[in-house]
Amino acid sequence: MNFAALTTGRRVVLLVSATAVVVAALFGYVLGFVIQPNVHGHVGTLGPFVFELTPANLAVYGAVMVGVPFVVVLFLVSYVSRHDDVTPVDVDSP
């Protein structure tokens, strides 16, 4: 069986989305690791939430900030594709 037969578009989109979330979490962790020695009492804010700038907190922050838009867009695309009832137009007809 070839690879193209096993790969669906939905699986590829989910894999790319999950990879982007993991990369964002890794970058957040590295950023938190780099700035942690230089931070003395500084905090980050996300609306009403206040958090210390630690590697774990920035990893979660990065994953959430990338993951939430992906989930929203994937949900909207899924919803729209279920309600797509446009009939194709025959170009050759007069």
PDB file of N, CA and C in Angstrom:
ATOM      1  N   MET A   1       0.839  -1.172   0.000  1.00  0.00           N
ATOM      2  CA  MET A   1       0.000   0.000   0.000  1.00  0.00           C
ATOM      3  C   MET A   1       0.890   1.244   0.000  1.00  0.00           C
ATOM      4  N   ASN A   2       0.564   2.213  -0.831  1.00  0.00           N
ATOM      5  CA  ASN A   2       1.414   3.396  -0.903  1.00  0.00           C
ATOM      6  C   ASN A   2       1.016   4.443   0.139  1.00  0.00           C
ATOM      7  N   PHE A   3       1.900   5.382   0.344  1.00  0.00           N
ATOM      8  CA  PHE A   3       1.720   6.393   1.388  1.00  0.00           C
ATOM      9  C   PHE A   3       0.547   7.311   1.083  1.00  0.00           C
ATOM     10  N   ALA A   4       0.330   7.630  -0.192  1.00  0.00           N
ATOM     11  CA  ALA A   4      -0.756   8.542  -0.570  1.00  0.00           C
ATOM     12  C   ALA A   4      -2.119   7.942  -0.246  1.00  0.00           C
ATOM     13  N   ALA A   5      -2.245   6.635  -0.344  1.00  0.00           N
ATOM     14  CA  ALA A   5      -3.522   5.998  -0.037  1.00  0.00           C
ATOM     15  C   ALA A   5      -3.817   6.035   1.462  1.00  0.00           C
ATOM     16  N   LEU A   6      -2.797   6.068   2.290  1.00  0.00           N
ATOM     17  CA  LEU A   6      -2.995   6.076   3.737  1.00  0.00           C
ATOM     18  C   LEU A   6      -3.175   7.472   4.303  1.00  0.00           C
ATOM     19  N   THR A   7      -2.780   8.502   3.560  1.00  0.00           N
ATOM     20  CA  THR A   7      -2.796   9.865   4.062  1.00  0.00           C
ATOM     21  C   THR A   7      -4.047  10.582   3.580  1.00  0.00           C
ATOM     22  N   THR A   8      -4.813  11.091   4.522  1.00  0.00           N
ATOM     23  CA  THR A   8      -5.974  11.896   4.172  1.00  0.00           C
ATOM     24  C   THR A   8      -5.679  13.352   4.491  1.00  0.00           C
ATOM     25  N   GLY A   9      -6.423  14.245   3.888  1.00  0.00           N
ATOM     26  CA  GLY A   9      -6.225  15.665   4.129  1.00  0.00           C
ATOM     27  C   GLY A   9      -6.456  16.048   5.569  1.00  0.00           C
ATOM     28  N   ARG A  10      -7.468  15.443   6.184  1.00  0.00           N
ATOM     29  CA  ARG A  10      -7.776  15.754   7.580  1.00  0.00           C
ATOM     30  C   ARG A  10      -6.629  15.355   8.496  1.00  0.00           C
ATOM     31  N   ARG A  11      -6.040  14.195   8.226  1.00  0.00           N
ATOM     32  CA  ARG A  11      -4.918  13.722   9.050  1.00  0.00           C
ATOM     33  C   ARG A  11      -3.715  14.648   8.903  1.00  0.00           C
ATOM     34  N   VAL A  12      -3.450  15.104   7.697  1.00  0.00           N
ATOM     35  CA  VAL A  12      -2.310  15.997   7.463  1.00  0.00           C
ATOM     36  C   VAL A  12      -2.529  17.335   8.174  1.00  0.00           C
ATOM     37  N   VAL A  13      -3.727  17.883   8.083  1.00  0.00           N
ATOM     38  CA  VAL A  13      -4.015  19.162   8.743  1.00  0.00           C
ATOM     39  C   VAL A  13      -3.881  19.021  10.255  1.00  0.00           C
ATOM     40  N   LEU A  14      -4.395  17.946  10.823  1.00  0.00           N
ATOM     41  CA  LEU A  14      -4.272  17.734  12.263  1.00  0.00           C
ATOM     42  C   LEU A  14      -2.817  17.541  12.679  1.00  0.00           C
ATOM     43  N   LEU A  15      -2.047  16.837  11.867  1.00  0.00           N
ATOM     44  CA  LEU A  15      -0.632  16.633  12.177  1.00  0.00           C
ATOM     45  C   LEU A  15       0.149  17.947  12.125  1.00  0.00           C
ATOM     46  N   VAL A  16      -0.122  18.762  11.121  1.00  0.00           N
ATOM     47  CA  VAL A  16       0.555  20.059  11.012  1.00  0.00           C
ATOM     48  C   VAL A  16       0.147  20.965  12.176  1.00  0.00           C
ATOM     49  N   SER A  17      -1.123  20.956  12.539  1.00  0.00           N
ATOM     50  CA  SER A  17      -1.598  21.767  13.662  1.00  0.00           C
ATOM     51  C   SER A  17      -0.950  21.329  14.969  1.00  0.00           C
ATOM     52  N   ALA A  18      -0.917  20.034  15.217  1.00  0.00           N
ATOM     53  CA  ALA A  18      -0.306  19.521  16.444  1.00  0.00           C
ATOM     54  C   ALA A  18       1.185  19.841  16.484  1.00  0.00           C
ATOM     55  N   THR A  19       1.846  19.743  15.339  1.00  0.00           N
ATOM     56  CA  THR A  19       3.267  20.070  15.275  1.00  0.00           C
ATOM     57  C   THR A  19       3.500  21.549  15.581  1.00  0.00           C
ATOM     58  N   ALA A  20       2.644  22.415  15.058  1.00  0.00           N
ATOM     59  CA  ALA A  20       2.788  23.850  15.324  1.00  0.00           C
ATOM     60  C   ALA A  20       2.591  24.156  16.806  1.00  0.00           C
ATOM     61  N   VAL A  21       1.649  23.480  17.445  1.00  0.00           N
ATOM     62  CA  VAL A  21       1.415  23.705  18.872  1.00  0.00           C
ATOM     63  C   VAL A  21       2.612  23.231  19.687  1.00  0.00           C
ATOM     64  N   VAL A  22       3.167  22.082  19.338  1.00  0.00           N
ATOM     65  CA  VAL A  22       4.334  21.561  20.063  1.00  0.00           C
ATOM     66  C   VAL A  22       5.539  22.473  19.866  1.00  0.00           C
ATOM     67  N   VAL A  23       5.750  22.954  18.661  1.00  0.00           N
ATOM     68  CA  VAL A  23       6.879  23.864  18.401  1.00  0.00           C
ATOM     69  C   VAL A  23       6.699  25.163  19.187  1.00  0.00           C
ATOM     70  N   ALA A  24       5.476  25.691  19.239  1.00  0.00           N
ATOM     71  CA  ALA A  24       5.224  26.909  20.009  1.00  0.00           C
ATOM     72  C   ALA A  24       5.497  26.675  21.495  1.00  0.00           C
ATOM     73  N   ALA A  25       5.118  25.512  22.003  1.00  0.00           N
ATOM     74  CA  ALA A  25       5.393  25.200  23.408  1.00  0.00           C
ATOM     75  C   ALA A  25       6.898  25.091  23.653  1.00  0.00           C
ATOM     76  N   LEU A  26       7.615  24.470  22.741  1.00  0.00           N
ATOM     77  CA  LEU A  26       9.070  24.367  22.888  1.00  0.00           C
ATOM     78  C   LEU A  26       9.736  25.743  22.847  1.00  0.00           C
ATOM     79  N   PHE A  27       9.315  26.588  21.927  1.00  0.00           N
ATOM     80  CA  PHE A  27       9.866  27.945  21.865  1.00  0.00           C
ATOM     81  C   PHE A  27       9.539  28.715  23.138  1.00  0.00           C
ATOM     82  N   GLY A  28       8.326  28.558  23.660  1.00  0.00           N
ATOM     83  CA  GLY A  28       7.957  29.211  24.906  1.00  0.00           C
ATOM     84  C   GLY A  28       8.819  28.736  26.058  1.00  0.00           C
ATOM     85  N   TYR A  29       9.082  27.434  26.106  1.00  0.00           N
ATOM     86  CA  TYR A  29       9.926  26.898  27.172  1.00  0.00           C
ATOM     87  C   TYR A  29      11.346  27.454  27.076  1.00  0.00           C
ATOM     88  N   VAL A  30      11.888  27.454  25.865  1.00  0.00           N
ATOM     89  CA  VAL A  30      13.248  27.978  25.677  1.00  0.00           C
ATOM     90  C   VAL A  30      13.293  29.461  26.030  1.00  0.00           C
ATOM     91  N   LEU A  31      12.300  30.220  25.607  1.00  0.00           N
ATOM     92  CA  LEU A  31      12.259  31.648  25.942  1.00  0.00           C
ATOM     93  C   LEU A  31      12.190  31.841  27.452  1.00  0.00           C
ATOM     94  N   GLY A  32      11.371  31.057  28.119  1.00  0.00           N
ATOM     95  CA  GLY A  32      11.291  31.154  29.579  1.00  0.00           C
ATOM     96  C   GLY A  32      12.583  30.763  30.254  1.00  0.00           C
ATOM     97  N   PHE A  33      13.273  29.793  29.697  1.00  0.00           N
ATOM     98  CA  PHE A  33      14.561  29.377  30.246  1.00  0.00           C
ATOM     99  C   PHE A  33      15.607  30.465  30.073  1.00  0.00           C
ATOM    100  N   VAL A  34      15.574  31.158  28.948  1.00  0.00           N
ATOM    101  CA  VAL A  34      16.558  32.204  28.665  1.00  0.00           C
ATOM    102  C   VAL A  34      16.305  33.443  29.517  1.00  0.00           C
ATOM    103  N   ILE A  35      15.049  33.866  29.662  1.00  0.00           N
ATOM    104  CA  ILE A  35      14.789  35.114  30.380  1.00  0.00           C
ATOM    105  C   ILE A  35      14.609  34.914  31.878  1.00  0.00           C
ATOM    106  N   GLN A  36      14.455  33.689  32.346  1.00  0.00           N
ATOM    107  CA  GLN A  36      14.207  33.465  33.770  1.00  0.00           C
ATOM    108  C   GLN A  36      15.302  34.035  34.679  1.00  0.00           C
ATOM    109  N   PRO A  37      16.585  33.866  34.381  1.00  0.00           N
ATOM    110  CA  PRO A  37      17.600  34.440  35.278  1.00  0.00           C
ATOM    111  C   PRO A  37      17.583  35.964  35.310  1.00  0.00           C
ATOM    112  N   ASN A  38      17.066  36.592  34.257  1.00  0.00           N
ATOM    113  CA  ASN A  38      17.069  38.047  34.173  1.00  0.00           C
ATOM    114  C   ASN A  38      15.805  38.687  34.731  1.00  0.00           C
ATOM    115  N   VAL A  39      14.820  37.883  35.096  1.00  0.00           N
ATOM    116  CA  VAL A  39      13.534  38.422  35.545  1.00  0.00           C
ATOM    117  C   VAL A  39      13.501  38.428  37.064  1.00  0.00           C
ATOM    118  N   HIS A  40      13.175  39.572  37.611  1.00  0.00           N
ATOM    119  CA  HIS A  40      13.069  39.697  39.062  1.00  0.00           C
ATOM    120  C   HIS A  40      11.687  40.237  39.388  1.00  0.00           C
ATOM    121  N   GLY A  41      10.749  39.338  39.598  1.00  0.00           N
ATOM    122  CA  GLY A  41       9.398  39.749  39.962  1.00  0.00           C
ATOM    123  C   GLY A  41       8.528  40.183  38.806  1.00  0.00           C
ATOM    124  N   HIS A  42       8.992  40.035  37.581  1.00  0.00           N
ATOM    125  CA  HIS A  42       8.166  40.411  36.442  1.00  0.00           C
ATOM    126  C   HIS A  42       7.125  39.326  36.179  1.00  0.00           C
ATOM    127  N   VAL A  43       5.972  39.758  35.740  1.00  0.00           N
ATOM    128  CA  VAL A  43       4.894  38.826  35.450  1.00  0.00           C
ATOM    129  C   VAL A  43       4.336  39.117  34.064  1.00  0.00           C
ATOM    130  N   GLY A  44       3.742  38.103  33.485  1.00  0.00           N
ATOM    131  CA  GLY A  44       3.043  38.256  32.227  1.00  0.00           C
ATOM    132  C   GLY A  44       1.551  38.308  32.488  1.00  0.00           C
ATOM    133  N   THR A  45       0.815  38.917  31.584  1.00  0.00           N
ATOM    134  CA  THR A  45      -0.632  38.985  31.738  1.00  0.00           C
ATOM    135  C   THR A  45      -1.308  38.519  30.461  1.00  0.00           C
ATOM    136  N   LEU A  46      -2.428  37.898  30.649  1.00  0.00           N
ATOM    137  CA  LEU A  46      -3.287  37.484  29.537  1.00  0.00           C
ATOM    138  C   LEU A  46      -4.702  37.804  29.971  1.00  0.00           C
ATOM    139  N   GLY A  47      -5.141  39.018  29.655  1.00  0.00           N
ATOM    140  CA  GLY A  47      -6.442  39.463  30.143  1.00  0.00           C
ATOM    141  C   GLY A  47      -6.413  39.552  31.659  1.00  0.00           C
ATOM    142  N   PRO A  48      -7.344  38.873  32.324  1.00  0.00           N
ATOM    143  CA  PRO A  48      -7.375  38.937  33.785  1.00  0.00           C
ATOM    144  C   PRO A  48      -6.373  37.994  34.465  1.00  0.00           C
ATOM    145  N   PHE A  49      -5.709  37.163  33.699  1.00  0.00           N
ATOM    146  CA  PHE A  49      -4.776  36.189  34.268  1.00  0.00           C
ATOM    147  C   PHE A  49      -3.374  36.776  34.355  1.00  0.00           C
ATOM    148  N   VAL A  50      -2.743  36.581  35.488  1.00  0.00           N
ATOM    149  CA  VAL A  50      -1.378  37.042  35.716  1.00  0.00           C
ATOM    150  C   VAL A  50      -0.544  35.819  36.055  1.00  0.00           C
ATOM    151  N   PHE A  51       0.645  35.705  35.432  1.00  0.00           N
ATOM    152  CA  PHE A  51       1.487  34.540  35.671  1.00  0.00           C
ATOM    153  C   PHE A  51       2.951  34.943  35.674  1.00  0.00           C
ATOM    154  N   GLU A  52       3.755  34.171  36.406  1.00  0.00           N
ATOM    155  CA  GLU A  52       5.195  34.408  36.431  1.00  0.00           C
ATOM    156  C   GLU A  52       5.804  33.949  35.114  1.00  0.00           C
ATOM    157  N   LEU A  53       6.917  34.552  34.757  1.00  0.00           N
ATOM    158  CA  LEU A  53       7.598  34.186  33.516  1.00  0.00           C
ATOM    159  C   LEU A  53       8.567  33.039  33.780  1.00  0.00           C
ATOM    160  N   THR A  54       8.035  31.835  33.830  1.00  0.00           N
ATOM    161  CA  THR A  54       8.835  30.633  34.013  1.00  0.00           C
ATOM    162  C   THR A  54       8.789  29.819  32.727  1.00  0.00           C
ATOM    163  N   PRO A  55       9.713  28.899  32.534  1.00  0.00           N
ATOM    164  CA  PRO A  55       9.686  28.090  31.313  1.00  0.00           C
ATOM    165  C   PRO A  55       8.370  27.328  31.117  1.00  0.00           C
ATOM    166  N   ALA A  56       7.850  26.728  32.176  1.00  0.00           N
ATOM    167  CA  ALA A  56       6.607  25.960  32.040  1.00  0.00           C
ATOM    168  C   ALA A  56       5.426  26.872  31.695  1.00  0.00           C
ATOM    169  N   ASN A  57       5.350  28.022  32.347  1.00  0.00           N
ATOM    170  CA  ASN A  57       4.249  28.947  32.074  1.00  0.00           C
ATOM    171  C   ASN A  57       4.304  29.478  30.645  1.00  0.00           C
ATOM    172  N   LEU A  58       5.493  29.811  30.171  1.00  0.00           N
ATOM    173  CA  LEU A  58       5.603  30.302  28.798  1.00  0.00           C
ATOM    174  C   LEU A  58       5.384  29.209  27.770  1.00  0.00           C
ATOM    175  N   ALA A  59       5.691  27.962  28.125  1.00  0.00           N
ATOM    176  CA  ALA A  59       5.391  26.845  27.218  1.00  0.00           C
ATOM    177  C   ALA A  59       3.883  26.680  27.079  1.00  0.00           C
ATOM    178  N   VAL A  60       3.172  26.744  28.188  1.00  0.00           N
ATOM    179  CA  VAL A  60       1.705  26.652  28.135  1.00  0.00           C
ATOM    180  C   VAL A  60       1.133  27.847  27.386  1.00  0.00           C
ATOM    181  N   TYR A  61       1.659  29.023  27.653  1.00  0.00           N
ATOM    182  CA  TYR A  61       1.197  30.231  26.964  1.00  0.00           C
ATOM    183  C   TYR A  61       1.378  30.100  25.445  1.00  0.00           C
ATOM    184  N   GLY A  62       2.554  29.646  25.009  1.00  0.00           N
ATOM    185  CA  GLY A  62       2.789  29.475  23.579  1.00  0.00           C
ATOM    186  C   GLY A  62       1.865  28.448  22.956  1.00  0.00           C
ATOM    187  N   ALA A  63       1.656  27.333  23.649  1.00  0.00           N
ATOM    188  CA  ALA A  63       0.770  26.290  23.120  1.00  0.00           C
ATOM    189  C   ALA A  63      -0.669  26.786  23.020  1.00  0.00           C
ATOM    190  N   VAL A  64      -1.114  27.525  24.015  1.00  0.00           N
ATOM    191  CA  VAL A  64      -2.493  28.029  24.001  1.00  0.00           C
ATOM    192  C   VAL A  64      -2.669  29.096  22.926  1.00  0.00           C
ATOM    193  N   MET A  65      -1.691  29.997  22.802  1.00  0.00           N
ATOM    194  CA  MET A  65      -1.819  31.077  21.825  1.00  0.00           C
ATOM    195  C   MET A  65      -1.774  30.577  20.381  1.00  0.00           C
ATOM    196  N   VAL A  66      -1.144  29.458  20.144  1.00  0.00           N
ATOM    197  CA  VAL A  66      -1.134  28.882  18.798  1.00  0.00           C
ATOM    198  C   VAL A  66      -2.281  27.886  18.637  1.00  0.00           C
ATOM    199  N   GLY A  67      -2.584  27.138  19.686  1.00  0.00           N
ATOM    200  CA  GLY A  67      -3.589  26.087  19.603  1.00  0.00           C
ATOM    201  C   GLY A  67      -5.010  26.597  19.467  1.00  0.00           C
ATOM    202  N   VAL A  68      -5.354  27.644  20.211  1.00  0.00           N
ATOM    203  CA  VAL A  68      -6.731  28.154  20.173  1.00  0.00           C
ATOM    204  C   VAL A  68      -7.118  28.651  18.778  1.00  0.00           C
ATOM    205  N   PRO A  69      -6.313  29.465  18.117  1.00  0.00           N
ATOM    206  CA  PRO A  69      -6.704  29.864  16.751  1.00  0.00           C
ATOM    207  C   PRO A  69      -6.810  28.670  15.789  1.00  0.00           C
ATOM    208  N   PHE A  70      -5.916  27.687  15.924  1.00  0.00           N
ATOM    209  CA  PHE A  70      -6.027  26.501  15.080  1.00  0.00           C
ATOM    210  C   PHE A  70      -7.344  25.778  15.313  1.00  0.00           C
ATOM    211  N   VAL A  71      -7.725  25.609  16.569  1.00  0.00           N
ATOM    212  CA  VAL A  71      -8.975  24.910  16.878  1.00  0.00           C
ATOM    213  C   VAL A  71     -10.169  25.693  16.331  1.00  0.00           C
ATOM    214  N   VAL A  72     -10.173  26.998  16.497  1.00  0.00           N
ATOM    215  CA  VAL A  72     -11.281  27.815  16.002  1.00  0.00           C
ATOM    216  C   VAL A  72     -11.382  27.726  14.486  1.00  0.00           C
ATOM    217  N   VAL A  73     -10.267  27.871  13.798  1.00  0.00           N
ATOM    218  CA  VAL A  73     -10.288  27.817  12.329  1.00  0.00           C
ATOM    219  C   VAL A  73     -10.685  26.425  11.844  1.00  0.00           C
ATOM    220  N   LEU A  74     -10.160  25.379  12.455  1.00  0.00           N
ATOM    221  CA  LEU A  74     -10.520  24.024  12.042  1.00  0.00           C
ATOM    222  C   LEU A  74     -11.999  23.752  12.296  1.00  0.00           C
ATOM    223  N   PHE A  75     -12.535  24.245  13.397  1.00  0.00           N
ATOM    224  CA  PHE A  75     -13.962  24.083  13.660  1.00  0.00           C
ATOM    225  C   PHE A  75     -14.793  24.816  12.615  1.00  0.00           C
ATOM    226  N   LEU A  76     -14.417  26.049  12.297  1.00  0.00           N
ATOM    227  CA  LEU A  76     -15.168  26.813  11.299  1.00  0.00           C
ATOM    228  C   LEU A  76     -15.116  26.159   9.925  1.00  0.00           C
ATOM    229  N   VAL A  77     -13.957  25.676   9.534  1.00  0.00           N
ATOM    230  CA  VAL A  77     -13.833  25.005   8.236  1.00  0.00           C
ATOM    231  C   VAL A  77     -14.665  23.725   8.217  1.00  0.00           C
ATOM    232  N   SER A  78     -14.632  22.974   9.303  1.00  0.00           N
ATOM    233  CA  SER A  78     -15.430  21.762   9.392  1.00  0.00           C
ATOM    234  C   SER A  78     -16.917  22.078   9.316  1.00  0.00           C
ATOM    235  N   TYR A  79     -17.344  23.113  10.016  1.00  0.00           N
ATOM    236  CA  TYR A  79     -18.754  23.506   9.999  1.00  0.00           C
ATOM    237  C   TYR A  79     -19.187  23.941   8.604  1.00  0.00           C
ATOM    238  N   VAL A  80     -18.385  24.764   7.962  1.00  0.00           N
ATOM    239  CA  VAL A  80     -18.732  25.255   6.629  1.00  0.00           C
ATOM    240  C   VAL A  80     -18.736  24.117   5.622  1.00  0.00           C
ATOM    241  N   SER A  81     -17.808  23.182   5.736  1.00  0.00           N
ATOM    242  CA  SER A  81     -17.757  22.085   4.766  1.00  0.00           C
ATOM    243  C   SER A  81     -18.953  21.150   4.911  1.00  0.00           C
ATOM    244  N   ARG A  82     -19.527  21.055   6.097  1.00  0.00           N
ATOM    245  CA  ARG A  82     -20.728  20.225   6.268  1.00  0.00           C
ATOM    246  C   ARG A  82     -21.958  20.874   5.628  1.00  0.00           C
ATOM    247  N   HIS A  83     -21.958  22.183   5.546  1.00  0.00           N
ATOM    248  CA  HIS A  83     -23.114  22.904   5.013  1.00  0.00           C
ATOM    249  C   HIS A  83     -22.873  23.430   3.599  1.00  0.00           C
ATOM    250  N   ASP A  84     -21.916  22.876   2.931  1.00  0.00           N
ATOM    251  CA  ASP A  84     -21.621  23.285   1.563  1.00  0.00           C
ATOM    252  C   ASP A  84     -22.554  22.524   0.627  1.00  0.00           C
ATOM    253  N   ASP A  85     -23.558  23.211   0.105  1.00  0.00           N
ATOM    254  CA  ASP A  85     -24.515  22.552  -0.779  1.00  0.00           C
ATOM    255  C   ASP A  85     -24.562  23.201  -2.160  1.00  0.00           C
ATOM    256  N   VAL A  86     -23.494  23.847  -2.537  1.00  0.00           N
ATOM    257  CA  VAL A  86     -23.431  24.491  -3.834  1.00  0.00           C
ATOM    258  C   VAL A  86     -23.325  23.418  -4.905  1.00  0.00           C
ATOM    259  N   THR A  87     -24.184  23.517  -5.895  1.00  0.00           N
ATOM    260  CA  THR A  87     -24.128  22.555  -6.989  1.00  0.00           C
ATOM    261  C   THR A  87     -23.166  23.059  -8.050  1.00  0.00           C
ATOM    262  N   PRO A  88     -22.399  22.158  -8.633  1.00  0.00           N
ATOM    263  CA  PRO A  88     -21.442  22.601  -9.653  1.00  0.00           C
ATOM    264  C   PRO A  88     -22.170  23.119 -10.897  1.00  0.00           C
ATOM    265  N   VAL A  89     -21.601  24.113 -11.515  1.00  0.00           N
ATOM    266  CA  VAL A  89     -22.160  24.718 -12.713  1.00  0.00           C
ATOM    267  C   VAL A  89     -21.521  24.070 -13.926  1.00  0.00           C
ATOM    268  N   ASP A  90     -22.360  23.665 -14.876  1.00  0.00           N
ATOM    269  CA  ASP A  90     -21.854  23.059 -16.104  1.00  0.00           C
ATOM    270  C   ASP A  90     -21.412  24.178 -17.046  1.00  0.00           C
ATOM    271  N   VAL A  91     -20.140  24.216 -17.343  1.00  0.00           N
ATOM    272  CA  VAL A  91     -19.587  25.285 -18.157  1.00  0.00           C
ATOM    273  C   VAL A  91     -20.016  25.148 -19.613  1.00  0.00           C
ATOM    274  N   ASP A  92     -20.221  23.939 -20.087  1.00  0.00           N
ATOM    275  CA  ASP A  92     -20.544  23.714 -21.494  1.00  0.00           C
ATOM    276  C   ASP A  92     -22.006  23.994 -21.824  1.00  0.00           C
ATOM    277  N   SER A  93     -22.867  24.152 -20.857  1.00  0.00           N
ATOM    278  CA  SER A  93     -24.278  24.374 -21.165  1.00  0.00           C
ATOM    279  C   SER A  93     -24.502  25.820 -21.583  1.00  0.00           C
ATOM    280  N   PRO A  94     -25.450  26.049 -22.493  1.00  0.00           N
ATOM    281  CA  PRO A  94     -25.698  27.421 -22.998  1.00  0.00           C
ATOM    282  C   PRO A  94     -26.412  28.299 -22.022  1.00  0.00           C
TER     283      PRO A  94
END
